[in-house]
Amino acid sequence: MALWLIVRLLQWGKFFRLDELPEFSRSVLEVMRQPLEDRIISISRAKYSTEYPASFMLVASMNPCPCGYYGHPKKKCVCNEYQRTHYIFECQVDVIFWTFST
């Protein structure tokens, strides 16, 4: 999606969707956190910088486990309990951090 379109959607107060939350690195999630807190998007280039208002809702989704089949009615999950717990816990840490920091 083009940067101008993303900025325009965020200006209009739309939501921004992250599918497969665990696939994003922590640094990418940190970059998304700043506009959520400040409600401003700053774009800097070599010759200029500008700010746009950003009032948006971030919606994230993820599978219930790394293989994606935990609780599936027809396919068997191949993850062990440790993998499922670790997978969920890592995402909860990021979400809890966002919740208490904003």
Protein backbone atom coordinates (compact mmCIF):
# COMPACT_ATOMS: atom_id res chain seq x y z
CA MET A 1 0.00 0.00 0.00
CA ALA A 2 1.34 3.45 -0.88
CA LEU A 3 2.60 5.58 1.99
CA TRP A 4 0.30 8.50 1.10
CA LEU A 5 -2.74 6.22 1.26
CA ILE A 6 -1.73 4.84 4.66
CA VAL A 7 -1.21 8.37 5.99
CA ARG A 8 -4.57 9.48 4.58
CA LEU A 9 -6.40 6.52 6.16
CA LEU A 10 -4.76 7.22 9.51
CA GLN A 11 -5.72 10.89 9.27
CA TRP A 12 -9.35 9.89 8.77
CA GLY A 13 -9.30 7.83 11.97
CA LYS A 14 -9.50 4.45 10.27
CA PHE A 15 -8.04 1.27 11.66
CA PHE A 16 -4.74 -0.30 10.69
CA ARG A 17 -4.68 -4.10 10.56
CA LEU A 18 -1.68 -6.28 11.28
CA ASP A 19 -2.31 -9.86 10.22
CA GLU A 20 -0.09 -12.56 11.74
CA LEU A 21 1.21 -10.40 14.60
CA PRO A 22 4.05 -12.79 15.60
CA GLU A 23 5.57 -12.48 12.12
CA PHE A 24 6.44 -8.81 12.78
CA SER A 25 9.73 -8.10 14.51
CA ARG A 26 9.71 -6.22 17.80
CA SER A 27 11.33 -3.20 16.10
CA VAL A 28 8.45 -2.95 13.60
CA LEU A 29 5.92 -3.10 16.44
CA GLU A 30 7.81 -0.37 18.30
CA VAL A 31 7.62 1.88 15.22
CA MET A 32 3.83 1.37 15.16
CA ARG A 33 3.56 2.17 18.87
CA GLN A 34 4.81 5.76 18.59
CA PRO A 35 1.99 7.08 16.34
CA LEU A 36 -0.52 5.34 18.61
CA GLU A 37 0.80 7.21 21.63
CA ASP A 38 1.44 10.62 20.04
CA ARG A 39 -1.41 10.54 17.50
CA ILE A 40 1.03 12.07 15.01
CA ILE A 41 2.91 10.53 12.08
CA SER A 42 6.24 12.16 11.29
CA ILE A 43 7.77 11.64 7.86
CA SER A 44 11.35 12.79 7.41
CA ARG A 45 13.31 12.97 4.19
CA ALA A 46 16.69 14.48 3.33
CA LYS A 47 15.34 17.95 2.49
CA TYR A 48 12.21 18.21 4.63
CA SER A 49 10.08 16.68 7.36
CA THR A 50 6.37 16.92 7.95
CA GLU A 51 3.80 15.75 10.47
CA TYR A 52 0.28 14.46 9.94
CA PRO A 53 -2.42 13.85 12.51
CA ALA A 54 -3.02 10.16 13.18
CA SER A 55 -5.97 8.99 15.19
CA PHE A 56 -6.41 5.33 14.40
CA MET A 57 -7.12 1.95 15.91
CA LEU A 58 -4.57 -0.81 15.54
CA VAL A 59 -6.12 -4.25 15.09
CA ALA A 60 -3.85 -7.29 15.20
CA SER A 61 -4.58 -10.95 14.59
CA MET A 62 -2.66 -14.19 14.95
CA ASN A 63 -3.05 -17.95 14.79
CA PRO A 64 -3.62 -19.88 18.03
CA CYS A 65 -0.24 -21.63 17.64
CA PRO A 66 2.79 -21.61 15.29
CA CYS A 67 1.36 -24.26 12.94
CA GLY A 68 -2.08 -22.64 12.96
CA TYR A 69 -4.10 -25.79 13.60
CA TYR A 70 -4.60 -25.78 17.38
CA GLY A 71 -8.30 -26.38 17.98
CA HIS A 72 -8.99 -27.08 14.29
CA PRO A 73 -11.85 -29.57 13.85
CA LYS A 74 -10.19 -31.55 11.03
CA LYS A 75 -6.43 -31.01 11.16
CA LYS A 76 -4.17 -32.01 14.03
CA CYS A 77 -1.88 -29.44 15.65
CA VAL A 78 1.79 -30.48 15.46
CA CYS A 79 2.99 -28.03 18.15
CA ASN A 80 3.85 -29.13 21.66
CA GLU A 81 2.56 -27.34 24.76
CA TYR A 82 5.79 -25.36 25.20
CA GLN A 83 5.65 -24.02 21.62
CA ARG A 84 2.00 -22.92 22.01
CA THR A 85 2.63 -21.27 25.39
CA HIS A 86 5.77 -19.48 24.17
CA TYR A 87 3.99 -18.32 20.98
CA ILE A 88 1.07 -16.80 22.91
CA PHE A 89 3.24 -15.38 25.71
CA GLU A 90 5.54 -13.45 23.34
CA CYS A 91 2.57 -11.66 21.79
CA GLN A 92 0.93 -11.00 25.14
CA VAL A 93 4.06 -9.28 26.40
CA ASP A 94 3.97 -6.82 23.48
CA VAL A 95 0.24 -6.18 23.78
CA ILE A 96 0.39 -5.71 27.55
CA PHE A 97 3.30 -3.30 27.11
CA TRP A 98 1.26 -1.25 24.62
CA THR A 99 -1.81 -1.28 26.87
CA PHE A 100 -0.01 0.10 29.91
CA SER A 101 2.20 2.56 28.05
CA THR A 102 -0.59 4.43 26.24
